[in-house]
N, C-alpha and C. Protein backbone atom coordinates (compact mmCIF):
# COMPACT_ATOMS: atom_id res chain seq x y z
N MET A 1 -77.24 35.56 -22.13
CA MET A 1 -77.04 34.13 -21.96
C MET A 1 -76.47 33.86 -20.57
N SER A 2 -77.08 32.96 -19.84
CA SER A 2 -76.59 32.65 -18.49
C SER A 2 -75.62 31.47 -18.54
N ALA A 3 -74.70 31.47 -17.59
CA ALA A 3 -73.71 30.39 -17.50
C ALA A 3 -74.37 29.13 -16.93
N LEU A 4 -73.95 28.01 -17.40
CA LEU A 4 -74.44 26.74 -16.89
C LEU A 4 -73.83 26.46 -15.52
N PRO A 5 -74.55 25.79 -14.63
CA PRO A 5 -73.96 25.41 -13.34
C PRO A 5 -72.83 24.39 -13.58
N PHE A 6 -71.90 24.32 -12.65
CA PHE A 6 -70.73 23.46 -12.84
C PHE A 6 -71.09 22.01 -13.10
N TRP A 7 -72.18 21.52 -12.51
CA TRP A 7 -72.54 20.11 -12.67
C TRP A 7 -73.05 19.80 -14.08
N ASP A 8 -73.38 20.81 -14.85
CA ASP A 8 -73.72 20.58 -16.26
C ASP A 8 -72.48 20.49 -17.13
N ARG A 9 -71.35 20.95 -16.62
CA ARG A 9 -70.10 20.93 -17.38
C ARG A 9 -69.13 19.86 -16.88
N HIS A 10 -69.31 19.41 -15.64
CA HIS A 10 -68.36 18.47 -15.03
C HIS A 10 -69.11 17.33 -14.36
N ARG A 11 -68.62 16.13 -14.57
CA ARG A 11 -69.27 14.94 -14.02
C ARG A 11 -68.86 14.71 -12.57
N GLY A 12 -69.74 14.13 -11.81
CA GLY A 12 -69.47 13.73 -10.43
C GLY A 12 -69.06 12.28 -10.41
N PRO A 13 -69.00 11.70 -9.28
CA PRO A 13 -69.33 12.24 -7.97
C PRO A 13 -68.31 13.29 -7.52
N TYR A 14 -68.71 14.07 -6.52
CA TYR A 14 -67.92 15.20 -6.06
C TYR A 14 -67.54 15.04 -4.60
N ARG A 15 -66.39 15.60 -4.26
CA ARG A 15 -65.93 15.69 -2.86
C ARG A 15 -65.73 17.17 -2.53
N LEU A 16 -65.95 17.50 -1.27
CA LEU A 16 -65.74 18.87 -0.82
C LEU A 16 -64.42 18.96 -0.05
N VAL A 17 -63.67 20.01 -0.35
CA VAL A 17 -62.42 20.31 0.37
C VAL A 17 -62.61 21.66 1.03
N VAL A 18 -62.52 21.70 2.36
CA VAL A 18 -62.75 22.95 3.09
C VAL A 18 -61.42 23.55 3.52
N CYS A 19 -61.38 24.87 3.56
CA CYS A 19 -60.19 25.60 3.98
C CYS A 19 -60.58 26.52 5.13
N ARG A 20 -59.77 26.44 6.21
CA ARG A 20 -59.99 27.27 7.40
C ARG A 20 -58.70 28.01 7.73
N PRO A 21 -58.80 29.15 8.42
CA PRO A 21 -57.58 29.82 8.88
C PRO A 21 -56.84 28.91 9.86
N HIS A 22 -55.52 28.93 9.80
CA HIS A 22 -54.72 28.13 10.73
C HIS A 22 -54.91 28.72 12.13
N PRO A 23 -55.15 27.86 13.13
CA PRO A 23 -55.45 28.38 14.47
C PRO A 23 -54.27 29.09 15.15
N ARG A 24 -53.03 28.77 14.76
CA ARG A 24 -51.88 29.36 15.44
C ARG A 24 -50.94 30.16 14.53
N LYS A 25 -51.11 30.06 13.22
CA LYS A 25 -50.21 30.76 12.30
C LYS A 25 -51.00 31.76 11.47
N LYS A 26 -50.90 33.01 11.85
CA LYS A 26 -51.63 34.06 11.14
C LYS A 26 -51.17 34.11 9.67
N GLY A 27 -52.13 34.22 8.78
CA GLY A 27 -51.82 34.28 7.35
C GLY A 27 -51.71 32.92 6.68
N HIS A 28 -51.83 31.84 7.45
CA HIS A 28 -51.79 30.48 6.91
C HIS A 28 -53.16 29.84 7.04
N SER A 29 -53.35 28.76 6.33
CA SER A 29 -54.63 28.06 6.42
C SER A 29 -54.41 26.56 6.44
N THR A 30 -55.48 25.85 6.81
CA THR A 30 -55.47 24.39 6.79
C THR A 30 -56.58 23.93 5.87
N SER A 31 -56.42 22.78 5.29
CA SER A 31 -57.48 22.23 4.44
C SER A 31 -57.80 20.82 4.87
N GLU A 32 -59.01 20.41 4.56
CA GLU A 32 -59.51 19.10 4.95
C GLU A 32 -60.45 18.59 3.88
N ILE A 33 -60.26 17.35 3.48
CA ILE A 33 -61.18 16.70 2.54
C ILE A 33 -62.28 16.07 3.37
N LEU A 34 -63.51 16.48 3.14
CA LEU A 34 -64.63 15.92 3.90
C LEU A 34 -64.92 14.51 3.44
N THR A 35 -65.34 13.66 4.37
CA THR A 35 -65.65 12.28 4.04
C THR A 35 -66.94 12.21 3.23
N GLY A 36 -67.05 11.19 2.43
CA GLY A 36 -68.25 10.97 1.63
C GLY A 36 -68.20 11.73 0.32
N VAL A 37 -69.00 11.24 -0.60
CA VAL A 37 -69.11 11.89 -1.91
C VAL A 37 -70.57 12.25 -2.15
N THR A 38 -70.76 13.24 -3.00
CA THR A 38 -72.10 13.66 -3.38
C THR A 38 -72.24 13.47 -4.87
N ARG A 39 -73.33 12.89 -5.30
CA ARG A 39 -73.51 12.58 -6.71
C ARG A 39 -74.17 13.70 -7.50
N HIS A 40 -74.93 14.55 -6.86
CA HIS A 40 -75.68 15.58 -7.58
C HIS A 40 -75.11 16.96 -7.28
N GLY A 41 -74.83 17.70 -8.34
CA GLY A 41 -74.23 19.02 -8.20
C GLY A 41 -75.06 19.99 -7.40
N ALA A 42 -76.37 19.97 -7.58
CA ALA A 42 -77.23 20.89 -6.83
C ALA A 42 -77.12 20.61 -5.32
N ASP A 43 -76.96 19.34 -4.94
CA ASP A 43 -76.77 19.00 -3.53
C ASP A 43 -75.44 19.53 -3.01
N VAL A 44 -74.41 19.49 -3.86
CA VAL A 44 -73.10 20.02 -3.50
C VAL A 44 -73.22 21.52 -3.21
N GLN A 45 -73.90 22.22 -4.08
CA GLN A 45 -74.07 23.66 -3.92
C GLN A 45 -74.79 23.98 -2.60
N GLU A 46 -75.84 23.28 -2.30
CA GLU A 46 -76.58 23.50 -1.05
C GLU A 46 -75.71 23.21 0.17
N GLU A 47 -74.97 22.11 0.12
CA GLU A 47 -74.12 21.74 1.24
C GLU A 47 -73.01 22.77 1.45
N ALA A 48 -72.40 23.22 0.36
CA ALA A 48 -71.34 24.22 0.46
C ALA A 48 -71.87 25.52 1.06
N ARG A 49 -73.00 25.97 0.60
CA ARG A 49 -73.57 27.21 1.13
C ARG A 49 -73.94 27.07 2.61
N ALA A 50 -74.45 25.91 3.00
CA ALA A 50 -74.79 25.68 4.40
C ALA A 50 -73.54 25.70 5.28
N LEU A 51 -72.47 25.07 4.81
CA LEU A 51 -71.23 25.07 5.58
C LEU A 51 -70.64 26.47 5.71
N LEU A 52 -70.68 27.23 4.64
CA LEU A 52 -70.10 28.57 4.66
C LEU A 52 -70.89 29.56 5.51
N THR A 53 -72.17 29.33 5.67
CA THR A 53 -72.98 30.25 6.46
C THR A 53 -73.15 29.80 7.91
N ASP A 54 -72.55 28.68 8.28
CA ASP A 54 -72.63 28.19 9.66
C ASP A 54 -71.77 29.08 10.56
N PRO A 55 -72.38 29.81 11.48
CA PRO A 55 -71.60 30.72 12.32
C PRO A 55 -70.71 30.00 13.33
N ARG A 56 -70.90 28.71 13.53
CA ARG A 56 -70.09 27.95 14.48
C ARG A 56 -68.77 27.48 13.86
N ASP A 57 -68.59 27.64 12.56
CA ASP A 57 -67.40 27.15 11.87
C ASP A 57 -66.62 28.31 11.27
N THR A 58 -65.35 28.09 11.00
CA THR A 58 -64.49 29.14 10.46
C THR A 58 -64.13 28.90 8.99
N ILE A 59 -64.85 28.04 8.30
CA ILE A 59 -64.56 27.75 6.90
C ILE A 59 -64.62 29.04 6.09
N VAL A 60 -63.59 29.27 5.27
CA VAL A 60 -63.58 30.47 4.42
C VAL A 60 -63.74 30.13 2.94
N THR A 61 -63.32 28.92 2.56
CA THR A 61 -63.42 28.51 1.16
C THR A 61 -63.74 27.02 1.08
N ILE A 62 -64.57 26.67 0.10
CA ILE A 62 -64.85 25.27 -0.19
C ILE A 62 -64.60 25.07 -1.68
N THR A 63 -63.77 24.09 -1.99
CA THR A 63 -63.56 23.74 -3.39
C THR A 63 -64.19 22.38 -3.65
N VAL A 64 -64.66 22.20 -4.85
CA VAL A 64 -65.37 20.97 -5.24
C VAL A 64 -64.46 20.17 -6.16
N TRP A 65 -64.21 18.93 -5.79
CA TRP A 65 -63.36 18.02 -6.55
C TRP A 65 -64.24 17.01 -7.28
N SER A 66 -64.03 16.88 -8.59
CA SER A 66 -64.74 15.86 -9.37
C SER A 66 -63.92 14.58 -9.34
N GLU A 67 -64.49 13.54 -8.75
CA GLU A 67 -63.80 12.25 -8.67
C GLU A 67 -63.52 11.68 -10.06
N SER A 68 -64.49 11.75 -10.94
CA SER A 68 -64.33 11.13 -12.26
C SER A 68 -63.36 11.90 -13.15
N GLU A 69 -63.30 13.22 -13.00
CA GLU A 69 -62.41 14.03 -13.83
C GLU A 69 -61.06 14.30 -13.17
N GLU A 70 -60.99 14.01 -11.86
CA GLU A 70 -59.77 14.21 -11.08
C GLU A 70 -59.26 15.64 -11.18
N CYS A 71 -60.16 16.59 -10.92
CA CYS A 71 -59.79 18.01 -10.92
C CYS A 71 -60.80 18.80 -10.11
N PHE A 72 -60.39 20.00 -9.71
CA PHE A 72 -61.30 20.92 -9.04
C PHE A 72 -62.20 21.57 -10.08
N VAL A 73 -63.50 21.66 -9.77
CA VAL A 73 -64.45 22.16 -10.76
C VAL A 73 -65.21 23.39 -10.30
N MET A 74 -65.13 23.74 -9.02
CA MET A 74 -65.88 24.88 -8.51
C MET A 74 -65.29 25.31 -7.18
N SER A 75 -65.49 26.57 -6.84
CA SER A 75 -65.03 27.10 -5.56
C SER A 75 -66.11 28.03 -5.00
N TYR A 76 -66.33 27.93 -3.70
CA TYR A 76 -67.28 28.79 -2.99
C TYR A 76 -66.50 29.51 -1.89
N THR A 77 -66.77 30.79 -1.69
CA THR A 77 -66.07 31.59 -0.68
C THR A 77 -67.08 32.26 0.23
N ARG A 78 -66.73 32.29 1.51
CA ARG A 78 -67.59 32.94 2.51
C ARG A 78 -67.69 34.43 2.20
N GLY A 79 -68.90 34.95 2.25
CA GLY A 79 -69.11 36.38 2.05
C GLY A 79 -68.60 37.18 3.23
N LYS A 80 -68.25 38.42 2.98
CA LYS A 80 -67.69 39.25 4.07
C LYS A 80 -68.73 40.12 4.67
């Protein structure tokens, strides 16, 4: 039995929160809530994967916030 994608278990719209290493404090990180919301979970997944694989950015983790449920529903991490 395969697991359902997060958007089948949690309602949107969704916001992305990105985490990057702190530029001056080793071992610390900064986070940023990206502007705009996404209504479809599959679009969230594509956007998160695109951001994580962008070699011009230092994003290490993206968490997905469900606006309607007011909680984090998914996390994506950059591969090593």
